[in-house]
């Protein structure tokens, strides 16, 4: 009798467990993994002792934390050798475009070399392990100028250090998959939710509103471009796809690529208007030149038909509920 992965005890190593998506993923895995499973949470030096951001604490099967700096090849090899996971969900990255642009050398070291360290260690220490790689829609870059929803066959034309380093890691895993590495590559489009840092537009708006409501800032919100159109997802929808990829890994083509997108572009300014409408405080909107990106792409929208076909995945959360959850998160963290 063939036993489905969802019914088997699995050992899932999550890199970047202390980040925005990491804690949401761990909470989701805790709900669905079979009894006897293990979750190993890999924390870098920067986050190892920090509290996990946002909501969700795993309780059913528990989580064991390990130090895991993906740029340290010796440490990565040691962790993979000791743990021998059945799956690695590789989230660790310099994820904000602004932060990546400030320090391109660190960005390439984490995003490309860190991914290479994971891949080489899996191949050497536990070759049957499946890697679920968290890529990015940013790798399509200038291809979005076509003004159409992009699928996985679209040309990779990254326009910033974050995107180029993620594109390189994505291509590298594709090449290694041809030599037998059991890698699955997911390319999520913009996603937000509780716990995301102010380096991103939606939490930046929400945090400013929360401070204004508490009287900690003048009643003016500082913004960059509001006319850009983005394909937004709730972080929980993205996490659903990661979980599905873990549970269906054996049924997926080795090296396969899947976009995660809503197919519905939304104007950043309209998202801001929705957040402002959730506040009783009168707030002005003030353009801030420092918040404008010189290479900003006017329209980003994706086609996730392949993820629907292979994973049965589609986004389910209402974007208004997502926005409210981000605003409520910041309201609980801003103290007068």
Protein backbone atom coordinates (compact mmCIF):
# COMPACT_ATOMS: atom_id res chain seq x y z
CA UNK A 1 0.00 0.00 0.00
CA UNK A 2 1.32 3.46 -0.95
CA UNK A 3 1.15 5.96 1.92
CA UNK A 4 0.60 9.62 0.98
CA UNK A 5 3.05 12.15 2.36
CA UNK A 6 0.24 13.84 4.28
CA UNK A 7 -0.19 10.61 6.27
CA UNK A 8 3.53 10.00 6.91
CA UNK A 9 5.62 11.47 9.72
CA UNK A 10 7.82 14.11 8.10
CA UNK A 11 10.79 16.11 9.31
CA UNK A 12 10.62 19.62 7.90
CA UNK A 13 13.50 22.07 8.25
CA UNK A 14 12.45 25.69 7.79
CA UNK A 15 15.26 28.14 7.07
CA UNK A 16 14.63 31.77 7.95
CA UNK A 17 12.21 30.63 10.65
CA UNK A 18 12.48 33.94 12.50
CA UNK A 19 11.25 35.97 9.55
CA UNK A 20 7.83 37.25 8.52
CA UNK A 21 6.71 34.17 6.57
CA UNK A 22 8.58 31.65 8.76
CA UNK A 23 6.38 31.80 11.83
CA UNK A 24 3.20 31.66 9.73
CA UNK A 25 4.54 28.59 7.91
CA UNK A 26 5.52 26.82 11.12
CA UNK A 27 2.05 27.41 12.59
CA UNK A 28 0.44 26.05 9.41
CA UNK A 29 2.68 22.97 9.28
CA UNK A 30 1.92 22.28 12.92
CA UNK A 31 -1.77 21.97 12.04
CA UNK A 32 -1.44 19.52 9.15
CA UNK A 33 1.62 17.30 9.56
CA UNK A 34 0.98 13.71 10.59
CA UNK A 35 1.56 12.62 14.20
CA UNK A 36 5.21 11.85 14.83
CA UNK A 37 6.38 14.63 12.51
CA UNK A 38 9.04 17.16 13.49
CA UNK A 39 9.55 20.81 12.61
CA UNK A 40 13.10 22.09 12.84
CA UNK A 41 13.22 25.90 12.87
CA UNK A 42 16.45 27.32 11.52
CA UNK A 43 17.36 30.72 12.98
CA UNK A 44 20.25 32.90 11.86
CA UNK A 45 22.47 34.66 14.38
CA UNK A 46 20.41 37.81 13.87
CA UNK A 47 17.12 36.18 14.87
CA UNK A 48 18.09 33.21 17.04
CA UNK A 49 17.19 34.88 20.32
CA UNK A 50 14.52 37.25 18.99
CA UNK A 51 10.82 36.61 19.60
CA UNK A 52 8.95 35.35 16.57
CA UNK A 53 6.95 38.14 14.98
CA UNK A 54 3.19 38.11 14.69
CA UNK A 55 0.60 35.49 15.38
CA UNK A 56 0.60 31.72 15.68
CA UNK A 57 2.48 29.48 18.08
CA UNK A 58 2.95 25.82 17.20
CA UNK A 59 1.58 23.53 19.89
CA UNK A 60 0.43 20.23 18.41
CA UNK A 61 3.72 18.66 17.40
CA UNK A 62 6.09 21.36 18.62
CA UNK A 63 9.12 23.03 17.13
CA UNK A 64 12.80 22.56 17.83
CA UNK A 65 15.05 25.54 17.11
CA UNK A 66 18.57 25.25 15.66
CA UNK A 67 21.13 27.90 14.79
CA UNK A 68 21.37 28.09 11.02
CA UNK A 69 23.20 30.86 9.21
CA UNK A 70 22.81 29.82 5.56
CA UNK A 71 25.96 31.74 4.58
CA UNK A 72 28.04 29.43 6.80
CA UNK A 73 28.60 26.32 4.66
CA UNK A 74 30.15 24.36 7.53
CA UNK A 75 27.21 25.03 9.82
CA UNK A 76 24.69 24.25 7.08
CA UNK A 77 26.38 20.91 6.33
CA UNK A 78 26.44 20.06 10.03
CA UNK A 79 22.75 20.79 10.51
CA UNK A 80 21.73 18.79 7.42
CA UNK A 81 23.96 15.89 8.50
CA UNK A 82 22.57 15.86 12.04
CA UNK A 83 18.91 16.41 11.19
CA UNK A 84 18.51 14.61 7.85
CA UNK A 85 15.15 16.25 7.12
CA UNK A 86 12.67 14.85 4.63
CA UNK A 87 11.94 18.40 3.45
CA UNK A 88 13.61 21.80 3.56
CA UNK A 89 11.47 24.88 3.03
CA UNK A 90 14.07 27.50 2.18
CA UNK A 91 12.81 30.93 3.22
CA UNK A 92 16.04 32.55 4.46
CA UNK A 93 16.75 35.65 2.38
CA UNK A 94 17.36 39.36 2.31
CA UNK A 95 13.79 39.99 1.21
CA UNK A 96 13.22 43.76 1.09
CA UNK A 97 14.24 45.50 -2.11
CA UNK A 98 15.37 48.60 -0.20
CA UNK A 99 17.56 46.57 2.18
CA UNK A 100 18.98 44.54 -0.71
CA UNK A 101 19.88 47.67 -2.61
CA UNK A 102 21.67 49.15 0.41
CA UNK A 103 23.94 46.10 0.73
CA UNK A 104 24.19 44.14 -2.55
CA UNK A 105 27.17 42.09 -1.36
CA UNK A 106 25.28 40.75 1.66
CA UNK A 107 22.20 40.20 -0.51
CA UNK A 108 24.07 38.01 -2.99
CA UNK A 109 25.80 36.16 -0.18
CA UNK A 110 22.52 35.27 1.55
CA UNK A 111 20.22 34.85 -1.43
CA UNK A 112 22.52 33.01 -3.83
CA UNK A 113 25.38 31.55 -1.77
CA UNK A 114 23.01 30.65 1.07
CA UNK A 115 20.80 28.75 -1.36
CA UNK A 116 23.84 27.03 -2.88
CA UNK A 117 24.97 25.96 0.60
CA UNK A 118 21.55 24.43 1.29
CA UNK A 119 21.44 22.66 -2.06
CA UNK A 120 24.97 21.23 -1.88
CA UNK A 121 24.46 20.06 1.70
CA UNK A 122 21.17 18.36 0.84
CA UNK A 123 22.81 16.61 -2.09
CA UNK A 124 25.73 15.45 0.08
CA UNK A 125 23.99 14.64 3.37
CA UNK A 126 20.38 13.70 2.59
CA UNK A 127 19.87 13.38 -1.18
CA UNK A 128 16.29 12.13 -0.83
CA UNK A 129 15.28 15.37 0.88
CA UNK A 130 12.92 17.64 -1.07
CA UNK A 131 13.66 21.37 -1.22
CA UNK A 132 10.79 23.84 -1.50
CA UNK A 133 12.37 27.12 -2.55
CA UNK A 134 10.75 30.48 -1.85
CA UNK A 135 11.55 32.52 -4.93
CA UNK A 136 9.98 35.77 -6.06
CA UNK A 137 7.95 37.33 -8.85
CA UNK A 138 10.50 40.17 -8.77
CA UNK A 139 12.74 38.04 -10.99
CA UNK A 140 10.50 38.80 -14.01
CA UNK A 141 11.34 42.49 -13.63
CA UNK A 142 11.20 44.34 -16.93
CA UNK A 143 9.04 41.60 -18.48
CA UNK A 144 6.09 43.13 -16.62
CA UNK A 145 6.26 46.07 -19.04
CA UNK A 146 4.27 43.92 -21.45
CA UNK A 147 1.26 44.74 -19.25
CA UNK A 148 0.01 41.14 -19.21
CA UNK A 149 -0.25 38.47 -16.49
CA UNK A 150 3.07 36.61 -16.59
CA UNK A 151 3.35 32.84 -16.38
CA UNK A 152 6.41 30.74 -15.61
CA UNK A 153 7.66 30.84 -19.22
CA UNK A 154 8.17 34.62 -19.07
CA UNK A 155 11.70 35.94 -19.47
CA UNK A 156 13.62 36.70 -16.28
CA UNK A 157 14.69 40.37 -16.44
CA UNK A 158 15.47 41.42 -12.84
CA UNK A 159 15.95 45.14 -12.20
CA UNK A 160 17.40 45.27 -8.66
CA UNK A 161 19.87 43.31 -6.48
CA UNK A 162 17.15 41.43 -4.65
CA UNK A 163 15.54 40.26 -7.87
CA UNK A 164 18.79 39.37 -9.60
CA UNK A 165 20.08 37.36 -6.63
CA UNK A 166 16.79 35.46 -6.37
CA UNK A 167 16.77 34.83 -10.13
CA UNK A 168 20.29 33.40 -9.93
CA UNK A 169 19.30 31.10 -7.07
CA UNK A 170 16.17 30.01 -8.93
CA UNK A 171 18.14 29.16 -12.09
CA UNK A 172 20.82 27.38 -10.08
CA UNK A 173 18.25 25.11 -8.43
CA UNK A 174 16.70 24.41 -11.83
CA UNK A 175 20.09 23.34 -13.16
CA UNK A 176 20.80 21.17 -10.11
CA UNK A 177 17.36 19.56 -10.41
CA UNK A 178 18.41 18.31 -13.85
CA UNK A 179 21.17 16.41 -12.06
CA UNK A 180 18.76 14.91 -9.54
CA UNK A 181 18.27 17.50 -6.78
CA UNK A 182 14.66 17.22 -5.60
CA UNK A 183 13.85 20.91 -5.79
CA UNK A 184 10.52 22.70 -6.25
CA UNK A 185 10.60 26.40 -7.07
CA UNK A 186 7.74 28.70 -6.05
CA UNK A 187 7.54 32.31 -7.19
CA UNK A 188 5.15 34.22 -4.91
CA UNK A 189 3.95 37.67 -5.91
CA UNK A 190 3.58 40.49 -3.36
CA UNK A 191 2.21 39.22 -0.07
CA UNK A 192 1.52 40.85 3.25
CA UNK A 193 0.07 40.12 6.67
CA UNK A 194 0.73 40.48 10.41
CA UNK A 195 4.42 40.56 11.27
CA UNK A 196 5.78 42.03 8.04
CA UNK A 197 8.34 44.80 8.54
CA UNK A 198 7.97 48.46 7.63
CA UNK A 199 10.38 47.95 4.73
CA UNK A 200 7.25 47.04 2.74
CA UNK A 201 4.47 49.39 1.64
CA UNK A 202 1.39 47.99 3.39
CA UNK A 203 2.94 47.58 6.87
CA UNK A 204 4.63 50.96 6.46
CA UNK A 205 1.23 52.57 5.90
CA UNK A 206 -0.34 50.61 8.76
CA UNK A 207 2.43 51.41 11.23
CA UNK A 208 2.25 55.13 10.43
CA UNK A 209 -1.53 55.13 10.89
CA UNK A 210 -1.20 53.33 14.23
CA UNK A 211 1.35 55.88 15.48
CA UNK A 212 -0.82 58.78 14.36
CA UNK A 213 -3.83 57.27 16.13
CA UNK A 214 -1.80 57.13 19.36
CA UNK A 215 -0.64 60.73 18.96
CA UNK A 216 2.98 59.71 18.46
CA UNK A 217 3.26 61.29 15.00
CA UNK A 218 1.81 64.28 13.22
CA UNK A 219 -1.36 63.42 11.26
CA UNK A 220 0.39 62.98 7.92
CA UNK A 221 1.36 59.68 6.32
CA UNK A 222 4.48 59.70 4.14
CA UNK A 223 4.27 57.65 0.95
CA UNK A 224 6.08 56.75 -2.26
CA UNK A 225 4.41 55.94 -5.57
CA UNK A 226 0.70 55.29 -5.16
CA UNK A 227 -0.12 54.60 -8.81
CA UNK A 228 1.83 51.33 -9.09
CA UNK A 229 -0.39 48.26 -9.55
CA UNK A 230 0.58 45.11 -7.65
CA UNK A 231 -0.74 41.55 -7.44
CA UNK A 232 -1.22 41.17 -3.67
CA UNK A 233 -1.75 38.00 -1.65
CA UNK A 234 -2.38 37.30 2.00
CA UNK A 235 0.64 35.62 3.61
CA UNK A 236 -1.61 32.76 4.73
CA UNK A 237 -2.47 32.00 1.09
CA UNK A 238 1.23 31.87 0.23
CA UNK A 239 1.87 29.60 3.20
CA UNK A 240 -0.94 27.32 2.02
CA UNK A 241 1.00 26.82 -1.21
CA UNK A 242 4.23 26.00 0.65
CA UNK A 243 2.39 23.44 2.76
CA UNK A 244 0.76 21.91 -0.31
CA UNK A 245 4.17 21.69 -2.01
CA UNK A 246 5.58 19.84 1.01
CA UNK A 247 2.70 17.38 1.13
CA UNK A 248 2.61 16.81 -2.65
CA UNK A 249 6.36 16.92 -3.28
CA UNK A 250 6.55 13.34 -4.53
CA UNK A 251 3.85 14.00 -7.14
CA UNK A 252 5.46 17.14 -8.57
CA UNK A 253 7.93 17.23 -11.47
CA UNK A 254 11.48 17.63 -10.16
CA UNK A 255 12.60 21.21 -10.66
CA UNK A 256 9.11 22.47 -11.44
CA UNK A 257 8.32 26.19 -11.17
CA UNK A 258 5.02 27.65 -10.00
CA UNK A 259 3.85 31.24 -9.71
CA UNK A 260 1.71 32.19 -6.72
CA UNK A 261 -0.51 35.08 -7.77
CA UNK A 262 -4.07 36.34 -7.51
CA UNK A 263 -4.26 37.53 -11.11
CA UNK A 264 -5.82 40.73 -9.78
CA UNK A 265 -3.62 43.85 -9.81
CA UNK A 266 -4.44 46.44 -7.15
CA UNK A 267 -3.40 50.08 -7.06
CA UNK A 268 -1.19 50.87 -4.05
CA UNK A 269 -3.13 54.09 -3.48
CA UNK A 270 -6.41 52.18 -3.28
CA UNK A 271 -4.90 49.88 -0.66
CA UNK A 272 -3.85 52.97 1.32
CA UNK A 273 -7.37 54.41 0.99
CA UNK A 274 -8.78 51.19 2.44
CA UNK A 275 -6.43 51.38 5.41
CA UNK A 276 -7.25 55.06 6.01
CA UNK A 277 -10.97 54.23 5.91
CA UNK A 278 -10.39 51.80 8.80
CA UNK A 279 -9.26 54.68 11.02
CA UNK A 280 -11.40 57.36 12.65
CA UNK A 281 -8.43 59.75 12.68
CA UNK A 282 -8.12 62.43 10.01
CA UNK A 283 -4.82 61.81 8.20
CA UNK A 284 -3.19 63.66 5.31
CA UNK A 285 -1.18 61.86 2.63
CA UNK A 286 2.24 63.41 1.96
CA UNK A 287 4.55 62.28 -0.90
CA UNK A 288 8.08 61.46 0.27
CA UNK A 289 10.74 61.48 -2.49
CA UNK A 290 12.90 59.11 -0.44
CA UNK A 291 10.21 56.43 -0.72
CA UNK A 292 10.06 56.40 -4.53
CA UNK A 293 11.97 53.63 -6.33
CA UNK A 294 13.81 54.80 -9.46
CA UNK A 295 13.12 51.48 -11.26
CA UNK A 296 9.55 51.02 -10.06
CA UNK A 297 7.42 48.84 -12.35
CA UNK A 298 3.97 50.34 -13.09
CA UNK A 299 2.06 47.03 -13.33
CA UNK A 300 2.75 43.61 -11.81
CA UNK A 301 0.28 40.76 -12.29
CA UNK A 302 0.75 37.01 -12.48
CA UNK A 303 -0.78 33.84 -13.85
CA UNK A 304 -0.89 31.00 -11.32
CA UNK A 305 -2.71 28.42 -13.45
CA UNK A 306 0.10 25.90 -12.96
CA UNK A 307 -0.10 26.09 -9.16
CA UNK A 308 -3.83 25.55 -9.39
CA UNK A 309 -3.34 22.50 -11.62
CA UNK A 310 -0.46 20.91 -9.67
CA UNK A 311 -1.26 21.93 -6.10
CA UNK A 312 -4.98 22.62 -6.23
CA UNK A 313 -4.01 26.07 -4.94
CA UNK A 314 -5.77 29.38 -5.28
CA UNK A 315 -5.88 32.45 -3.04
CA UNK A 316 -8.88 32.45 -0.68
CA UNK A 317 -8.46 35.41 1.69
CA UNK A 318 -10.23 38.70 1.13
CA UNK A 319 -7.74 41.56 0.71
CA UNK A 320 -9.78 43.88 2.97
CA UNK A 321 -9.48 41.34 5.79
CA UNK A 322 -5.73 41.14 5.12
CA UNK A 323 -5.35 44.91 5.35
CA UNK A 324 -7.30 45.05 8.60
CA UNK A 325 -5.14 42.29 10.09
CA UNK A 326 -1.99 44.29 9.28
CA UNK A 327 -3.40 47.47 10.78
CA UNK A 328 -4.59 45.65 13.91
CA UNK A 329 -1.14 44.05 14.27
CA UNK A 330 0.54 47.46 14.33
CA UNK A 331 -2.08 48.90 16.67
CA UNK A 332 -1.08 46.26 19.26
CA UNK A 333 2.61 47.12 18.90
CA UNK A 334 2.50 50.90 19.00
CA UNK A 335 2.62 52.02 22.62
CA UNK A 336 1.86 55.60 23.65
